[in-house]
N, C-alpha and C. Protein backbone atom coordinates (compact mmCIF):
# COMPACT_ATOMS: atom_id res chain seq x y z
N MET A 1 93.37 97.74 135.85
CA MET A 1 93.99 96.72 134.90
C MET A 1 94.94 97.35 134.10
N GLN A 2 96.15 96.83 134.02
CA GLN A 2 97.06 97.23 133.20
C GLN A 2 97.44 96.31 131.92
N ILE A 3 97.39 96.93 130.72
CA ILE A 3 97.39 96.17 129.48
C ILE A 3 99.11 96.06 129.14
N TYR A 4 99.52 94.96 129.07
CA TYR A 4 100.98 94.86 128.70
C TYR A 4 100.98 94.67 127.10
N ASN A 5 102.12 95.02 126.47
CA ASN A 5 102.38 95.01 125.00
C ASN A 5 101.27 95.75 124.35
N SER A 6 100.73 96.67 124.72
CA SER A 6 99.72 97.52 124.00
C SER A 6 100.32 98.31 122.64
N HIS A 7 101.68 98.39 122.73
CA HIS A 7 102.37 99.12 121.50
C HIS A 7 102.55 98.15 120.32
N PHE A 8 102.12 96.94 120.53
CA PHE A 8 102.27 96.17 119.28
C PHE A 8 101.20 96.25 118.39
N MET A 9 101.28 95.92 116.98
CA MET A 9 100.17 95.95 116.18
C MET A 9 99.60 94.57 115.83
N ASN A 10 98.44 94.61 115.42
CA ASN A 10 97.61 93.51 115.07
C ASN A 10 98.22 93.06 113.70
N ASN A 11 97.60 91.97 113.10
CA ASN A 11 97.96 91.56 111.73
C ASN A 11 97.34 92.60 110.76
N LYS A 12 96.25 93.18 110.78
CA LYS A 12 95.71 94.04 109.88
C LYS A 12 96.76 95.30 109.85
N GLN A 13 97.02 95.74 110.97
CA GLN A 13 97.86 97.02 111.00
C GLN A 13 99.30 96.85 110.47
N ARG A 14 99.77 95.42 110.76
CA ARG A 14 101.20 95.04 110.17
C ARG A 14 100.97 94.91 108.69
N MET A 15 100.04 94.47 108.13
CA MET A 15 99.87 94.44 106.62
C MET A 15 99.76 95.75 105.97
N ILE A 16 98.88 96.59 106.60
CA ILE A 16 98.74 98.01 106.07
C ILE A 16 100.10 98.71 106.01
N LYS A 17 100.92 98.61 107.23
CA LYS A 17 102.26 99.31 107.25
C LYS A 17 103.23 98.70 106.18
N ALA A 18 103.15 97.40 106.02
CA ALA A 18 104.01 96.58 105.16
C ALA A 18 103.73 96.98 103.69
N THR A 19 102.29 97.22 103.48
CA THR A 19 102.02 97.79 102.06
C THR A 19 102.35 99.22 101.94
N LEU A 20 102.36 100.02 102.76
CA LEU A 20 102.68 101.45 102.53
C LEU A 20 104.14 101.33 102.41
N TYR A 21 105.09 100.74 103.16
CA TYR A 21 106.42 100.87 103.13
C TYR A 21 106.88 100.36 101.76
N GLY A 22 106.29 99.17 101.41
CA GLY A 22 106.57 98.51 100.16
C GLY A 22 106.27 99.29 98.89
N LEU A 23 105.08 100.04 99.09
CA LEU A 23 104.59 100.82 97.76
C LEU A 23 105.57 102.01 97.66
N LEU A 24 106.03 102.74 98.67
CA LEU A 24 106.81 103.76 98.75
C LEU A 24 108.34 103.27 98.26
N CYS A 25 108.71 102.17 98.63
CA CYS A 25 109.95 101.53 98.04
C CYS A 25 109.85 101.30 96.70
N ALA A 26 108.67 100.67 96.28
CA ALA A 26 108.50 100.29 94.82
C ALA A 26 108.72 101.56 93.93
N ILE A 27 108.02 102.59 94.34
CA ILE A 27 107.99 103.91 93.60
C ILE A 27 109.52 104.42 93.64
N GLY A 28 110.15 104.46 94.61
CA GLY A 28 111.50 104.88 94.78
C GLY A 28 112.39 104.01 94.09
N CYS A 29 112.29 102.70 94.07
CA CYS A 29 113.00 101.84 93.09
C CYS A 29 112.85 101.98 91.70
N ALA A 30 111.57 102.29 91.22
CA ALA A 30 111.32 102.46 89.88
C ALA A 30 111.99 103.77 89.36
N VAL A 31 111.96 104.83 90.28
CA VAL A 31 112.66 106.15 89.85
C VAL A 31 114.18 105.96 89.75
N VAL A 32 114.65 105.33 90.74
CA VAL A 32 116.16 105.13 90.67
C VAL A 32 116.59 104.32 89.61
N ASN A 33 115.98 103.15 89.25
CA ASN A 33 116.12 102.29 88.16
C ASN A 33 116.01 102.97 86.89
N THR A 34 115.08 103.82 86.79
CA THR A 34 114.97 104.48 85.38
C THR A 34 116.02 105.64 85.29
N TYR A 35 116.48 106.45 86.36
CA TYR A 35 117.56 107.38 86.31
C TYR A 35 118.79 106.61 86.10
N LEU A 36 119.23 105.48 86.61
CA LEU A 36 120.31 104.75 86.34
C LEU A 36 120.47 104.18 84.90
N THR A 37 119.22 103.64 84.48
CA THR A 37 119.22 103.13 83.01
C THR A 37 119.40 104.28 82.02
N GLN A 38 118.80 105.48 82.39
CA GLN A 38 118.82 106.49 81.31
C GLN A 38 120.28 107.01 81.36
N LEU A 39 120.85 107.20 82.60
CA LEU A 39 122.26 107.63 82.67
C LEU A 39 123.17 106.83 82.11
N THR A 40 123.11 105.45 82.18
CA THR A 40 124.22 104.55 81.61
C THR A 40 123.82 104.42 80.23
N ALA A 41 122.66 104.47 79.78
CA ALA A 41 122.20 104.28 78.25
C ALA A 41 122.76 105.58 77.61
N ARG A 42 122.90 106.74 77.99
CA ARG A 42 123.43 107.91 77.49
C ARG A 42 124.96 107.66 77.30
N MET A 43 125.54 107.23 78.39
CA MET A 43 127.00 107.19 78.38
C MET A 43 127.62 106.04 77.87
N LEU A 44 127.10 104.70 78.10
CA LEU A 44 127.72 103.64 77.74
C LEU A 44 126.75 102.77 76.72
N HIS A 45 125.65 103.24 76.49
CA HIS A 45 124.66 102.43 75.63
C HIS A 45 124.43 101.05 76.07
N ILE A 46 124.29 100.75 77.33
CA ILE A 46 123.88 99.63 77.76
C ILE A 46 122.80 99.77 79.02
N THR A 47 122.10 98.74 79.29
CA THR A 47 121.17 98.74 80.36
C THR A 47 121.36 97.64 81.27
N PHE A 48 120.94 97.83 82.56
CA PHE A 48 121.21 96.89 83.47
C PHE A 48 119.96 96.28 84.14
N PRO A 49 119.32 95.19 83.52
CA PRO A 49 118.27 94.64 83.98
C PRO A 49 118.38 93.85 85.26
N ILE A 50 119.63 93.66 85.77
CA ILE A 50 119.92 93.15 87.09
C ILE A 50 119.37 93.98 88.19
N LEU A 51 119.01 95.12 87.73
CA LEU A 51 118.41 96.22 88.90
C LEU A 51 117.13 95.61 89.28
N TYR A 52 116.37 94.91 88.52
CA TYR A 52 115.21 94.48 88.94
C TYR A 52 115.16 93.49 89.91
N VAL A 53 116.28 92.68 89.86
CA VAL A 53 116.49 91.68 91.11
C VAL A 53 116.72 92.52 92.50
N VAL A 54 117.72 93.57 92.31
CA VAL A 54 117.91 94.38 93.41
C VAL A 54 116.66 95.03 93.88
N SER A 55 115.74 95.47 93.01
CA SER A 55 114.58 96.16 93.33
C SER A 55 113.71 95.13 94.10
N GLY A 56 113.63 94.00 93.57
CA GLY A 56 112.74 93.01 94.36
C GLY A 56 113.32 92.67 95.72
N TYR A 57 114.53 92.64 95.95
CA TYR A 57 115.05 92.41 97.24
C TYR A 57 114.92 93.56 98.14
N ILE A 58 115.08 94.75 97.62
CA ILE A 58 114.87 96.15 98.45
C ILE A 58 113.37 96.10 98.83
N ILE A 59 112.37 95.76 97.99
CA ILE A 59 111.09 95.95 98.33
C ILE A 59 110.73 94.85 99.24
N ALA A 60 111.22 93.73 99.18
CA ALA A 60 110.94 92.57 99.96
C ALA A 60 111.54 92.77 101.45
N ARG A 61 112.63 93.38 101.50
CA ARG A 61 113.20 93.66 102.74
C ARG A 61 112.42 94.83 103.48
N ALA A 62 111.84 95.78 102.71
CA ALA A 62 111.08 96.89 103.32
C ALA A 62 109.80 96.25 103.84
N ILE A 63 109.19 95.28 103.07
CA ILE A 63 107.87 94.64 103.51
C ILE A 63 108.13 93.66 104.91
N HIS A 64 109.47 92.97 104.75
CA HIS A 64 109.89 92.08 105.80
C HIS A 64 109.99 92.98 107.10
N LYS A 65 110.71 94.06 106.91
CA LYS A 65 111.05 94.91 108.26
C LYS A 65 109.68 95.53 108.57
N ALA A 66 108.92 96.12 107.84
CA ALA A 66 107.73 96.77 108.30
C ALA A 66 106.55 95.97 108.82
N GLY A 67 106.38 94.95 107.98
CA GLY A 67 105.27 93.93 108.51
C GLY A 67 105.66 93.07 109.50
N GLY A 68 106.74 92.27 109.32
CA GLY A 68 107.27 91.26 110.10
C GLY A 68 106.38 90.12 110.23
N GLY A 69 105.50 89.92 109.30
CA GLY A 69 104.48 88.93 109.41
C GLY A 69 104.89 87.52 108.79
N ILE A 70 104.09 86.51 109.30
CA ILE A 70 104.40 85.35 108.49
C ILE A 70 103.25 84.92 107.82
N GLY A 71 103.16 84.50 106.65
CA GLY A 71 102.15 84.12 105.71
C GLY A 71 102.23 84.42 104.26
N ILE A 72 101.44 83.83 103.53
CA ILE A 72 101.67 84.01 102.01
C ILE A 72 101.21 85.29 101.51
N LYS A 73 100.48 85.95 102.35
CA LYS A 73 99.94 87.33 101.81
C LYS A 73 101.24 88.19 101.73
N TYR A 74 102.13 88.14 102.68
CA TYR A 74 103.31 89.08 102.46
C TYR A 74 104.22 88.55 101.29
N SER A 75 104.21 87.38 100.92
CA SER A 75 104.89 87.01 99.61
C SER A 75 104.10 87.48 98.37
N TYR A 76 102.79 87.46 98.48
CA TYR A 76 102.10 87.85 97.39
C TYR A 76 102.33 89.31 97.26
N LEU A 77 102.26 90.25 98.33
CA LEU A 77 102.42 91.50 98.30
C LEU A 77 103.86 92.05 97.84
N GLY A 78 104.88 91.26 98.24
CA GLY A 78 106.18 91.24 97.71
C GLY A 78 106.43 91.30 96.14
N ALA A 79 105.74 90.22 95.76
CA ALA A 79 105.72 89.83 94.31
C ALA A 79 104.91 90.99 93.43
N GLY A 80 103.64 91.44 94.02
CA GLY A 80 102.98 92.24 93.44
C GLY A 80 103.54 93.63 93.26
N LEU A 81 104.16 94.09 94.33
CA LEU A 81 104.76 95.42 94.45
C LEU A 81 106.02 95.40 93.51
N THR A 82 106.67 94.32 93.47
CA THR A 82 107.89 94.10 92.54
C THR A 82 107.43 94.30 90.92
N VAL A 83 106.37 93.57 90.72
CA VAL A 83 105.82 93.84 89.51
C VAL A 83 105.37 95.22 89.13
N PHE A 84 104.85 95.69 90.05
CA PHE A 84 104.53 97.34 89.88
C PHE A 84 105.66 98.14 89.67
N SER A 85 106.72 97.84 90.46
CA SER A 85 108.05 98.71 90.35
C SER A 85 108.61 98.34 88.88
N ILE A 86 108.69 97.20 88.48
CA ILE A 86 109.17 96.84 87.24
C ILE A 86 108.39 97.63 86.08
N LEU A 87 107.16 97.42 86.13
CA LEU A 87 106.26 98.04 85.21
C LEU A 87 106.44 99.61 85.15
N LEU A 88 106.38 100.01 86.21
CA LEU A 88 106.58 101.66 86.53
C LEU A 88 107.91 102.09 85.80
N SER A 89 108.97 101.24 86.15
CA SER A 89 110.42 101.76 85.72
C SER A 89 110.47 101.50 84.19
N GLU A 90 109.85 100.48 83.63
CA GLU A 90 109.79 100.29 82.18
C GLU A 90 108.97 101.49 81.28
N LEU A 91 107.85 101.80 82.18
CA LEU A 91 107.01 102.90 81.57
C LEU A 91 107.76 104.11 81.57
N PHE A 92 108.44 104.44 82.75
CA PHE A 92 109.28 105.76 82.71
C PHE A 92 110.31 105.66 81.64
N ALA A 93 111.14 104.47 81.59
CA ALA A 93 112.12 104.21 80.66
C ALA A 93 111.70 104.57 79.06
N PHE A 94 110.56 104.02 78.81
CA PHE A 94 110.12 104.16 77.40
C PHE A 94 109.34 105.45 77.09
N GLY A 95 108.60 106.03 78.19
CA GLY A 95 107.86 107.18 77.88
C GLY A 95 108.46 108.48 78.73
N GLY A 96 109.40 108.30 79.54
CA GLY A 96 109.83 109.48 80.34
C GLY A 96 108.95 109.70 81.62
N TYR A 97 109.47 110.67 82.42
CA TYR A 97 108.64 110.82 83.66
C TYR A 97 107.42 111.64 83.22
N ASP A 98 107.44 112.42 82.04
CA ASP A 98 106.21 113.18 81.80
C ASP A 98 105.01 112.24 81.42
N ILE A 99 105.12 111.15 81.28
CA ILE A 99 104.16 110.29 80.97
C ILE A 99 103.08 110.08 81.99
N LEU A 100 103.30 110.51 83.21
CA LEU A 100 102.33 110.60 84.24
C LEU A 100 101.37 111.56 84.02
N VAL A 101 101.76 112.75 83.37
CA VAL A 101 100.68 113.68 83.14
C VAL A 101 100.08 113.68 81.83
N HIS A 102 100.56 112.65 80.98
CA HIS A 102 99.81 112.55 79.65
C HIS A 102 99.42 110.99 79.46
N PRO A 103 98.14 110.78 80.16
CA PRO A 103 97.66 109.51 79.98
C PRO A 103 97.26 108.99 78.55
N GLN A 104 97.19 109.87 77.55
CA GLN A 104 96.92 109.49 76.34
C GLN A 104 97.96 108.64 75.69
N MET A 105 99.22 108.85 76.30
CA MET A 105 100.38 108.04 75.78
C MET A 105 100.48 106.77 76.39
N TRP A 106 99.79 106.37 77.33
CA TRP A 106 99.97 105.27 77.96
C TRP A 106 99.82 103.96 77.12
N SER A 107 98.87 103.99 76.37
CA SER A 107 98.63 102.71 75.62
C SER A 107 99.76 102.55 74.47
N ILE A 108 100.19 103.65 73.86
CA ILE A 108 101.21 103.43 72.80
C ILE A 108 102.57 102.89 73.62
N THR A 109 102.59 103.56 74.80
CA THR A 109 103.98 103.24 75.43
C THR A 109 103.99 101.74 75.87
N ILE A 110 102.85 101.44 76.41
CA ILE A 110 102.65 99.96 76.79
C ILE A 110 102.90 99.04 75.65
N GLN A 111 102.23 99.36 74.41
CA GLN A 111 102.51 98.58 73.31
C GLN A 111 103.92 98.50 72.82
N ILE A 112 104.70 99.44 73.01
CA ILE A 112 106.10 99.48 72.72
C ILE A 112 106.83 98.75 73.70
N MET A 113 106.49 98.71 74.98
CA MET A 113 107.10 97.98 76.03
C MET A 113 107.19 96.53 75.57
N PHE A 114 105.76 95.98 75.45
CA PHE A 114 105.51 94.57 75.18
C PHE A 114 106.21 94.11 73.85
N ARG A 115 106.22 94.89 72.96
CA ARG A 115 106.95 94.52 71.73
C ARG A 115 108.43 94.51 71.82
N SER A 116 109.04 95.33 72.68
CA SER A 116 110.45 95.12 72.91
C SER A 116 110.56 93.94 73.69
N TRP A 117 109.90 93.66 74.82
CA TRP A 117 110.03 92.45 75.52
C TRP A 117 109.97 91.22 74.80
N PHE A 118 108.93 90.97 73.91
CA PHE A 118 108.74 89.69 73.30
C PHE A 118 109.27 89.68 71.81
N ALA A 119 110.41 90.60 71.64
CA ALA A 119 111.06 90.62 70.21
C ALA A 119 111.94 89.25 70.20
N PHE A 120 112.21 88.70 71.36
CA PHE A 120 112.98 87.37 71.28
C PHE A 120 114.37 87.60 70.87
N SER A 121 114.99 88.88 71.06
CA SER A 121 116.38 88.92 70.95
C SER A 121 117.09 88.48 72.06
N GLY A 122 118.44 88.49 72.14
CA GLY A 122 119.17 88.14 73.19
C GLY A 122 118.97 89.08 74.33
N ASN A 123 118.81 90.31 74.23
CA ASN A 123 118.57 91.31 75.16
C ASN A 123 117.21 91.20 75.72
N SER A 124 116.28 91.06 74.96
CA SER A 124 115.04 90.77 75.61
C SER A 124 114.68 89.70 76.37
N ILE A 125 115.41 88.44 76.00
CA ILE A 125 115.24 87.34 76.76
C ILE A 125 115.93 87.48 78.15
N LEU A 126 116.99 88.15 78.21
CA LEU A 126 117.77 88.34 79.37
C LEU A 126 116.90 89.38 80.33
N THR A 127 116.31 90.24 79.72
CA THR A 127 115.51 91.25 80.46
C THR A 127 114.47 90.57 80.96
N LEU A 128 113.66 89.62 80.32
CA LEU A 128 112.54 88.95 80.94
C LEU A 128 113.12 87.87 82.07
N PHE A 129 114.21 87.27 81.73
CA PHE A 129 114.82 86.48 82.85
C PHE A 129 115.03 87.21 84.11
N PHE A 130 115.51 88.47 83.93
CA PHE A 130 115.88 89.21 85.30
C PHE A 130 114.56 89.79 85.83
N MET A 131 113.52 90.11 85.02
CA MET A 131 112.40 90.45 85.66
C MET A 131 111.65 89.41 86.39
N ALA A 132 111.77 88.28 85.93
CA ALA A 132 111.33 86.97 86.58
C ALA A 132 111.95 86.70 88.02
N TRP A 133 113.37 86.89 87.77
CA TRP A 133 114.09 86.64 88.93
C TRP A 133 113.73 87.74 89.95
N GLY A 134 113.57 88.91 89.64
CA GLY A 134 113.13 90.15 90.60
C GLY A 134 111.97 89.80 91.27
N ILE A 135 110.88 89.32 90.45
CA ILE A 135 109.65 88.97 91.02
C ILE A 135 109.62 87.88 91.96
N TYR A 136 110.47 86.83 91.65
CA TYR A 136 110.67 85.65 92.44
C TYR A 136 111.37 86.09 93.86
N THR A 137 112.35 86.96 93.71
CA THR A 137 113.12 87.47 94.84
C THR A 137 112.14 88.31 95.66
N GLY A 138 111.36 89.14 95.19
CA GLY A 138 110.18 89.85 95.98
C GLY A 138 109.24 88.99 96.61
N TYR A 139 109.01 87.92 96.00
CA TYR A 139 108.05 86.91 96.65
C TYR A 139 108.67 86.16 97.75
N HIS A 140 109.89 85.60 97.50
CA HIS A 140 110.62 84.80 98.50
C HIS A 140 111.15 85.51 99.66
N GLU A 141 111.58 86.68 99.61
CA GLU A 141 112.13 87.42 100.61
C GLU A 141 111.14 88.20 101.50
N SER A 142 109.91 88.28 101.11
CA SER A 142 108.98 89.16 101.84
C SER A 142 108.44 88.37 103.06
N ASP A 143 108.27 86.99 103.06
CA ASP A 143 107.85 86.32 104.09
C ASP A 143 108.90 86.07 105.10
N ILE A 144 108.58 86.25 106.44
CA ILE A 144 109.57 86.07 107.40
C ILE A 144 109.87 84.61 107.72
N SER A 145 108.95 83.78 107.23
CA SER A 145 109.24 82.31 107.53
C SER A 145 110.17 81.64 106.54
N ASN A 146 110.59 82.22 105.39
CA ASN A 146 111.62 82.02 104.45
C ASN A 146 113.02 82.21 104.95
N HIS A 147 113.13 82.60 105.99
CA HIS A 147 114.58 82.95 106.59
C HIS A 147 114.92 82.08 107.65
């Protein structure tokens, strides 16, 4: 008896592959976001929160390509990993990359992050808008049925 299409993955395997690819992509996007933000902040004294939308799209495309599945679970995965990437990027931006080895600084850095987000200045409102847009992009573009 010969089994055809044995090289294809089942739903669980596709979800695991999509999660791993998405997680690696989320970490990579957070590192690149932080690097670009720190580089431009030093030179031009501006930040680019539009990078959160780009991160959401890149993460969603990685999930879309790796998992190739249809269902709301891929959309939730895309949104969740985009949130993770945004939080990690902000954590690196406020605390530097050394914050990973100094967990005692996490609570202080998170407090500073939330205070800056909800200061309700023009910059913080735009940052929150682009964060929400990036999360929506990660949610919408992850599911293959949305295309």
